[in-house]
Amino acid sequence: MTQASAAAPDTDELVERPVIQGDVAGIAISHSGYKLKNRSLVTTGRALNVMAAAALVLLSTGASALGLGRVNVQSVLGEALRAEIEVTSLSAEEASSLHVNLASPDAFKASGVEYNAVLNGATVTLQRRADGRPVLVLSSDKVVQEPFIDVIVDFQWATGKLTRSYTLLIDPPGRNTAAQPGTTATAPVFASPPPVARAPAAPAPAPQVALAPPP
């Protein structure tokens, strides 16, 4: 009487089994029912999550390193364009590799923004204030004739890039502008006129004494 043999087949056989928690593939590839044939084909979801999180950190670090504030227009209608863009965050390494340019007319058109001819030849340069703070200066030698100008600026440095759009409001000459931060607007003081000197009053006449006639 021969005893039945339960030896495993010589050929490689793919067997589907329930997926354990953390497996990404819908099935696990095994040999002889339980042993993984190629362990490198199974990647855990936790590992993918860690890799994705690391990639997001790297991307966000490069994309948000440069900090920009508001724009301050320093010219009025009839003058050459000049404006300053505040820089709120910029490291020395980023400053050394920073390139700032106005977007091309085609980029304006693609964004649905009108390109003003006053921007032809305009430049954006990184400068330092008297206190050492960085500032971006937008300037053009062309005279501004319109009350507002839309601007698109491209920023690029070693670890990232950024595009910002601004609307410059140009005031007419002689218009009072709002006080800049750090300054206090004071009411004008008018000097009072000096008092008018009056002529001295005439002295009162001495009282007259009537003399009695002699007897």
C-alpha atoms as a PDB file:
ATOM      1  CA  MET A   1       0.000   0.000   0.000  1.00  0.00           C
ATOM      2  CA  THR A   2       1.546   3.199  -1.127  1.00  0.00           C
ATOM      3  CA  GLN A   3       1.384   6.334   0.967  1.00  0.00           C
ATOM      4  CA  ALA A   4       0.235   9.505  -0.813  1.00  0.00           C
ATOM      5  CA  SER A   5       2.932  12.059  -1.103  1.00  0.00           C
ATOM      6  CA  ALA A   6       2.141  15.759  -0.528  1.00  0.00           C
ATOM      7  CA  ALA A   7       5.345  17.147  -1.960  1.00  0.00           C
ATOM      8  CA  ALA A   8       5.194  20.654  -3.375  1.00  0.00           C
ATOM      9  CA  PRO A   9       5.357  20.955  -7.169  1.00  0.00           C
ATOM     10  CA  ASP A  10       8.687  21.817  -8.764  1.00  0.00           C
ATOM     11  CA  THR A  11       7.243  24.606 -10.883  1.00  0.00           C
ATOM     12  CA  ASP A  12       6.743  28.081  -9.447  1.00  0.00           C
ATOM     13  CA  GLU A  13       3.114  28.627  -8.688  1.00  0.00           C
ATOM     14  CA  LEU A  14       1.426  31.936  -8.006  1.00  0.00           C
ATOM     15  CA  VAL A  15      -0.985  31.665  -5.140  1.00  0.00           C
ATOM     16  CA  GLU A  16      -3.328  34.420  -4.062  1.00  0.00           C
ATOM     17  CA  ARG A  17      -3.739  34.970  -0.353  1.00  0.00           C
ATOM     18  CA  PRO A  18      -5.471  37.637   1.752  1.00  0.00           C
ATOM     19  CA  VAL A  19      -3.531  40.874   1.944  1.00  0.00           C
ATOM     20  CA  ILE A  20      -2.015  41.663   5.313  1.00  0.00           C
ATOM     21  CA  GLN A  21      -2.453  45.183   6.676  1.00  0.00           C
ATOM     22  CA  GLY A  22       0.036  47.559   5.131  1.00  0.00           C
ATOM     23  CA  ASP A  23       0.433  45.761   1.782  1.00  0.00           C
ATOM     24  CA  VAL A  24      -0.084  48.002  -1.224  1.00  0.00           C
ATOM     25  CA  ALA A  25      -0.623  45.349  -3.923  1.00  0.00           C
ATOM     26  CA  GLY A  26      -4.052  43.761  -4.197  1.00  0.00           C
ATOM     27  CA  ILE A  27      -2.493  40.281  -3.839  1.00  0.00           C
ATOM     28  CA  ALA A  28       0.774  39.024  -2.435  1.00  0.00           C
ATOM     29  CA  ILE A  29       2.963  36.772  -4.612  1.00  0.00           C
ATOM     30  CA  SER A  30       4.013  33.629  -2.730  1.00  0.00           C
ATOM     31  CA  HIS A  31       5.751  30.299  -3.338  1.00  0.00           C
ATOM     32  CA  SER A  32       4.367  27.091  -1.842  1.00  0.00           C
ATOM     33  CA  GLY A  33       1.454  29.036  -0.412  1.00  0.00           C
ATOM     34  CA  TYR A  34       3.202  31.261   2.160  1.00  0.00           C
ATOM     35  CA  LYS A  35       6.751  32.133   1.226  1.00  0.00           C
ATOM     36  CA  LEU A  36       7.142  35.398  -0.735  1.00  0.00           C
ATOM     37  CA  LYS A  37       8.735  34.794  -4.111  1.00  0.00           C
ATOM     38  CA  ASN A  38      10.052  38.340  -4.565  1.00  0.00           C
ATOM     39  CA  ARG A  39       9.952  40.466  -1.441  1.00  0.00           C
ATOM     40  CA  SER A  40      10.980  43.615  -3.334  1.00  0.00           C
ATOM     41  CA  LEU A  41       7.639  43.641  -5.165  1.00  0.00           C
ATOM     42  CA  VAL A  42       5.738  44.293  -1.949  1.00  0.00           C
ATOM     43  CA  THR A  43       5.900  47.877  -0.748  1.00  0.00           C
ATOM     44  CA  THR A  44       4.129  48.939   2.378  1.00  0.00           C
ATOM     45  CA  GLY A  45       1.757  51.886   2.395  1.00  0.00           C
ATOM     46  CA  ARG A  46       3.543  53.313   5.400  1.00  0.00           C
ATOM     47  CA  ALA A  47       6.791  53.564   3.441  1.00  0.00           C
ATOM     48  CA  LEU A  48       5.011  55.339   0.607  1.00  0.00           C
ATOM     49  CA  ASN A  49       3.456  57.797   3.049  1.00  0.00           C
ATOM     50  CA  VAL A  50       6.851  58.605   4.566  1.00  0.00           C
ATOM     51  CA  MET A  51       8.402  59.144   1.144  1.00  0.00           C
ATOM     52  CA  ALA A  52       5.527  61.370   0.021  1.00  0.00           C
ATOM     53  CA  ALA A  53       5.702  63.442   3.199  1.00  0.00           C
ATOM     54  CA  ALA A  54       9.443  63.942   2.756  1.00  0.00           C
ATOM     55  CA  ALA A  55       8.941  65.070  -0.831  1.00  0.00           C
ATOM     56  CA  LEU A  56       6.258  67.559   0.226  1.00  0.00           C
ATOM     57  CA  VAL A  57       8.547  69.014   2.888  1.00  0.00           C
ATOM     58  CA  LEU A  58      11.312  69.525   0.344  1.00  0.00           C
ATOM     59  CA  LEU A  59       8.964  71.150  -2.155  1.00  0.00           C
ATOM     60  CA  SER A  60       7.321  73.439   0.384  1.00  0.00           C
ATOM     61  CA  THR A  61      10.693  74.494   1.800  1.00  0.00           C
ATOM     62  CA  GLY A  62      11.945  75.590  -1.587  1.00  0.00           C
ATOM     63  CA  ALA A  63       8.702  77.217  -2.679  1.00  0.00           C
ATOM     64  CA  SER A  64       7.952  79.317   0.401  1.00  0.00           C
ATOM     65  CA  ALA A  65      11.421  80.476   1.452  1.00  0.00           C
ATOM     66  CA  LEU A  66      11.090  83.929  -0.142  1.00  0.00           C
ATOM     67  CA  GLY A  67       8.633  86.158   1.710  1.00  0.00           C
ATOM     68  CA  LEU A  68       7.095  89.182  -0.004  1.00  0.00           C
ATOM     69  CA  GLY A  69       4.996  92.014   1.398  1.00  0.00           C
ATOM     70  CA  ARG A  70       2.986  94.860  -0.090  1.00  0.00           C
ATOM     71  CA  VAL A  71       3.993  97.225  -2.866  1.00  0.00           C
ATOM     72  CA  ASN A  72       4.518 100.959  -2.261  1.00  0.00           C
ATOM     73  CA  VAL A  73       4.131 103.240  -5.286  1.00  0.00           C
ATOM     74  CA  GLN A  74       6.435 106.270  -5.129  1.00  0.00           C
ATOM     75  CA  SER A  75       5.499 108.077  -8.345  1.00  0.00           C
ATOM     76  CA  VAL A  76       2.469 110.076  -9.474  1.00  0.00           C
ATOM     77  CA  LEU A  77       0.850 110.579 -12.859  1.00  0.00           C
ATOM     78  CA  GLY A  78       3.217 112.323 -15.243  1.00  0.00           C
ATOM     79  CA  GLU A  79       6.355 110.916 -13.575  1.00  0.00           C
ATOM     80  CA  ALA A  80       8.589 107.957 -14.369  1.00  0.00           C
ATOM     81  CA  LEU A  81       7.365 104.737 -12.779  1.00  0.00           C
ATOM     82  CA  ARG A  82       8.923 103.757  -9.454  1.00  0.00           C
ATOM     83  CA  ALA A  83       7.609 101.339  -6.823  1.00  0.00           C
ATOM     84  CA  GLU A  84       9.046  99.228  -4.010  1.00  0.00           C
ATOM     85  CA  ILE A  85       8.069  95.655  -3.110  1.00  0.00           C
ATOM     86  CA  GLU A  86       8.700  94.747   0.519  1.00  0.00           C
ATOM     87  CA  VAL A  87      10.774  91.617   1.217  1.00  0.00           C
ATOM     88  CA  THR A  88       9.780  90.019   4.526  1.00  0.00           C
ATOM     89  CA  SER A  89      11.993  86.909   4.380  1.00  0.00           C
ATOM     90  CA  LEU A  90      15.208  86.272   2.421  1.00  0.00           C
ATOM     91  CA  SER A  91      18.330  84.349   3.445  1.00  0.00           C
ATOM     92  CA  ALA A  92      21.844  85.263   2.315  1.00  0.00           C
ATOM     93  CA  GLU A  93      22.041  82.130   0.158  1.00  0.00           C
ATOM     94  CA  GLU A  94      18.743  82.939  -1.543  1.00  0.00           C
ATOM     95  CA  ALA A  95      19.773  86.546  -2.117  1.00  0.00           C
ATOM     96  CA  SER A  96      22.952  85.426  -3.896  1.00  0.00           C
ATOM     97  CA  SER A  97      21.001  83.324  -6.415  1.00  0.00           C
ATOM     98  CA  LEU A  98      17.821  85.402  -6.718  1.00  0.00           C
ATOM     99  CA  HIS A  99      16.737  86.510 -10.191  1.00  0.00           C
ATOM    100  CA  VAL A 100      13.746  88.834 -10.535  1.00  0.00           C
ATOM    101  CA  ASN A 101      12.170  89.757 -13.862  1.00  0.00           C
ATOM    102  CA  LEU A 102       8.925  91.126 -15.184  1.00  0.00           C
ATOM    103  CA  ALA A 103       6.875  88.497 -16.969  1.00  0.00           C
ATOM    104  CA  SER A 104       6.856  88.586 -20.758  1.00  0.00           C
ATOM    105  CA  PRO A 105       3.956  90.151 -22.694  1.00  0.00           C
ATOM    106  CA  ASP A 106       2.915  86.623 -23.719  1.00  0.00           C
ATOM    107  CA  ALA A 107       2.702  85.625 -20.042  1.00  0.00           C
ATOM    108  CA  PHE A 108       0.496  88.659 -19.380  1.00  0.00           C
ATOM    109  CA  LYS A 109      -1.781  87.643 -22.236  1.00  0.00           C
ATOM    110  CA  ALA A 110      -1.947  84.027 -21.058  1.00  0.00           C
ATOM    111  CA  SER A 111      -2.984  85.257 -17.598  1.00  0.00           C
ATOM    112  CA  GLY A 112      -5.649  87.578 -18.993  1.00  0.00           C
ATOM    113  CA  VAL A 113      -3.788  90.668 -17.752  1.00  0.00           C
ATOM    114  CA  GLU A 114      -3.262  93.746 -19.919  1.00  0.00           C
ATOM    115  CA  TYR A 115       0.380  94.572 -20.598  1.00  0.00           C
ATOM    116  CA  ASN A 116       1.041  98.295 -20.213  1.00  0.00           C
ATOM    117  CA  ALA A 117       3.613  99.833 -22.558  1.00  0.00           C
ATOM    118  CA  VAL A 118       5.172 101.701 -19.625  1.00  0.00           C
ATOM    119  CA  LEU A 119       6.655  98.353 -18.555  1.00  0.00           C
ATOM    120  CA  ASN A 120       8.838  98.150 -21.673  1.00  0.00           C
ATOM    121  CA  GLY A 121      12.396  98.371 -20.422  1.00  0.00           C
ATOM    122  CA  ALA A 122      11.326  98.349 -16.763  1.00  0.00           C
ATOM    123  CA  THR A 123      13.630  96.602 -14.298  1.00  0.00           C
ATOM    124  CA  VAL A 124      13.279  95.002 -10.865  1.00  0.00           C
ATOM    125  CA  THR A 125      16.417  95.074  -8.709  1.00  0.00           C
ATOM    126  CA  LEU A 126      17.193  93.885  -5.189  1.00  0.00           C
ATOM    127  CA  GLN A 127      18.491  96.726  -3.040  1.00  0.00           C
ATOM    128  CA  ARG A 128      19.132  97.431   0.641  1.00  0.00           C
ATOM    129  CA  ARG A 129      17.554 100.138   2.742  1.00  0.00           C
ATOM    130  CA  ALA A 130      19.596 102.293   5.076  1.00  0.00           C
ATOM    131  CA  ASP A 131      18.795  99.904   7.943  1.00  0.00           C
ATOM    132  CA  GLY A 132      19.964  96.875   5.918  1.00  0.00           C
ATOM    133  CA  ARG A 133      16.535  95.449   5.090  1.00  0.00           C
ATOM    134  CA  PRO A 134      16.135  94.111   1.536  1.00  0.00           C
ATOM    135  CA  VAL A 135      13.667  95.700  -0.869  1.00  0.00           C
ATOM    136  CA  LEU A 136      12.810  95.151  -4.531  1.00  0.00           C
ATOM    137  CA  VAL A 137      12.727  98.333  -6.622  1.00  0.00           C
ATOM    138  CA  LEU A 138      10.608  98.435  -9.780  1.00  0.00           C
ATOM    139  CA  SER A 139      11.549 101.333 -12.041  1.00  0.00           C
ATOM    140  CA  SER A 140      11.024 102.537 -15.594  1.00  0.00           C
ATOM    141  CA  ASP A 141      12.160 105.621 -17.462  1.00  0.00           C
ATOM    142  CA  LYS A 142       8.769 105.922 -19.156  1.00  0.00           C
ATOM    143  CA  VAL A 143       6.165 108.362 -17.860  1.00  0.00           C
ATOM    144  CA  VAL A 144       3.018 106.959 -16.262  1.00  0.00           C
ATOM    145  CA  GLN A 145      -0.179 108.209 -17.885  1.00  0.00           C
ATOM    146  CA  GLU A 146      -2.779 105.816 -16.455  1.00  0.00           C
ATOM    147  CA  PRO A 147      -4.175 105.612 -12.898  1.00  0.00           C
ATOM    148  CA  PHE A 148      -3.399 101.913 -12.456  1.00  0.00           C
ATOM    149  CA  ILE A 149      -0.947  99.375 -13.893  1.00  0.00           C
ATOM    150  CA  ASP A 150      -1.039  95.591 -13.541  1.00  0.00           C
ATOM    151  CA  VAL A 151       2.344  93.943 -13.006  1.00  0.00           C
ATOM    152  CA  ILE A 152       3.391  90.266 -13.016  1.00  0.00           C
ATOM    153  CA  VAL A 153       6.800  89.523 -11.483  1.00  0.00           C
ATOM    154  CA  ASP A 154       8.724  86.234 -11.726  1.00  0.00           C
ATOM    155  CA  PHE A 155      11.078  85.253  -8.886  1.00  0.00           C
ATOM    156  CA  GLN A 156      13.587  82.409  -9.197  1.00  0.00           C
ATOM    157  CA  TRP A 157      16.378  81.276  -6.864  1.00  0.00           C
ATOM    158  CA  ALA A 158      18.488  78.169  -6.339  1.00  0.00           C
ATOM    159  CA  THR A 159      15.830  76.153  -4.512  1.00  0.00           C
ATOM    160  CA  GLY A 160      12.536  77.475  -5.836  1.00  0.00           C
ATOM    161  CA  LYS A 161      10.549  79.934  -7.885  1.00  0.00           C
ATOM    162  CA  LEU A 162       7.502  82.141  -7.445  1.00  0.00           C
ATOM    163  CA  THR A 163       5.204  84.369  -9.514  1.00  0.00           C
ATOM    164  CA  ARG A 164       3.363  87.339  -8.021  1.00  0.00           C
ATOM    165  CA  SER A 165       0.924  89.824  -9.558  1.00  0.00           C
ATOM    166  CA  TYR A 166       0.414  93.387  -8.316  1.00  0.00           C
ATOM    167  CA  THR A 167      -1.856  96.302  -9.202  1.00  0.00           C
ATOM    168  CA  LEU A 168      -0.115  99.673  -8.921  1.00  0.00           C
ATOM    169  CA  LEU A 169      -2.417 102.599  -8.098  1.00  0.00           C
ATOM    170  CA  ILE A 170      -0.999 105.875  -9.413  1.00  0.00           C
ATOM    171  CA  ASP A 171      -2.242 109.084  -7.776  1.00  0.00           C
ATOM    172  CA  PRO A 172      -2.538 112.405  -9.615  1.00  0.00           C
ATOM    173  CA  PRO A 173      -0.076 115.170  -8.712  1.00  0.00           C
ATOM    174  CA  GLY A 174      -0.861 117.139  -5.574  1.00  0.00           C
ATOM    175  CA  ARG A 175      -3.142 114.541  -4.084  1.00  0.00           C
ATOM    176  CA  ASN A 176      -2.622 113.876  -0.382  1.00  0.00           C
ATOM    177  CA  THR A 177      -1.370 110.340   0.171  1.00  0.00           C
ATOM    178  CA  ALA A 178      -1.820 108.216   3.261  1.00  0.00           C
ATOM    179  CA  ALA A 179       0.908 108.313   5.870  1.00  0.00           C
ATOM    180  CA  GLN A 180       3.469 105.514   5.500  1.00  0.00           C
ATOM    181  CA  PRO A 181       3.937 102.997   8.348  1.00  0.00           C
ATOM    182  CA  GLY A 182       6.285 104.298  10.983  1.00  0.00           C
ATOM    183  CA  THR A 183       5.323 107.937  10.457  1.00  0.00           C
ATOM    184  CA  THR A 184       2.717 110.006  12.246  1.00  0.00           C
ATOM    185  CA  ALA A 185       0.566 112.549  10.466  1.00  0.00           C
ATOM    186  CA  THR A 186       0.256 115.731  12.495  1.00  0.00           C
ATOM    187  CA  ALA A 187      -2.178 118.589  12.051  1.00  0.00           C
ATOM    188  CA  PRO A 188      -0.637 121.817  10.729  1.00  0.00           C
ATOM    189  CA  VAL A 189       0.048 124.507  13.313  1.00  0.00           C
ATOM    190  CA  PHE A 190      -0.837 128.070  12.355  1.00  0.00           C
ATOM    191  CA  ALA A 191       1.007 130.949  14.080  1.00  0.00           C
ATOM    192  CA  SER A 192      -1.266 133.597  15.583  1.00  0.00           C
ATOM    193  CA  PRO A 193      -0.680 137.184  14.333  1.00  0.00           C
ATOM    194  CA  PRO A 194       1.172 139.493  16.722  1.00  0.00           C
ATOM    195  CA  PRO A 195      -1.034 141.884  18.751  1.00  0.00           C
ATOM    196  CA  VAL A 196      -1.557 145.342  17.273  1.00  0.00           C
ATOM    197  CA  ALA A 197      -0.001 148.102  19.395  1.00  0.00           C
ATOM    198  CA  ARG A 198      -2.542 150.676  20.494  1.00  0.00           C
ATOM    199  CA  ALA A 199      -1.861 154.414  20.978  1.00  0.00           C
ATOM    200  CA  PRO A 200      -1.710 155.435  24.650  1.00  0.00           C
ATOM    201  CA  ALA A 201      -4.876 157.037  25.946  1.00  0.00           C
ATOM    202  CA  ALA A 202      -4.806 160.815  26.484  1.00  0.00           C
ATOM    203  CA  PRO A 203      -4.556 161.813  30.157  1.00  0.00           C
ATOM    204  CA  ALA A 204      -7.767 163.015  31.756  1.00  0.00           C
ATOM    205  CA  PRO A 205      -7.956 166.855  32.153  1.00  0.00           C
ATOM    206  CA  ALA A 206      -7.315 168.198  35.625  1.00  0.00           C
ATOM    207  CA  PRO A 207     -10.429 169.452  37.449  1.00  0.00           C
ATOM    208  CA  GLN A 208     -11.016 173.223  37.217  1.00  0.00           C
ATOM    209  CA  VAL A 209     -11.306 175.149  40.558  1.00  0.00           C
ATOM    210  CA  ALA A 210     -13.415 178.316  40.494  1.00  0.00           C
ATOM    211  CA  LEU A 211     -11.867 181.211  42.479  1.00  0.00           C
ATOM    212  CA  ALA A 212     -14.160 183.360  44.595  1.00  0.00           C
ATOM    213  CA  PRO A 213     -14.116 187.160  43.719  1.00  0.00           C
ATOM    214  CA  PRO A 214     -12.375 189.402  46.267  1.00  0.00           C
ATOM    215  CA  PRO A 215     -14.672 191.311  48.707  1.00  0.00           C
END
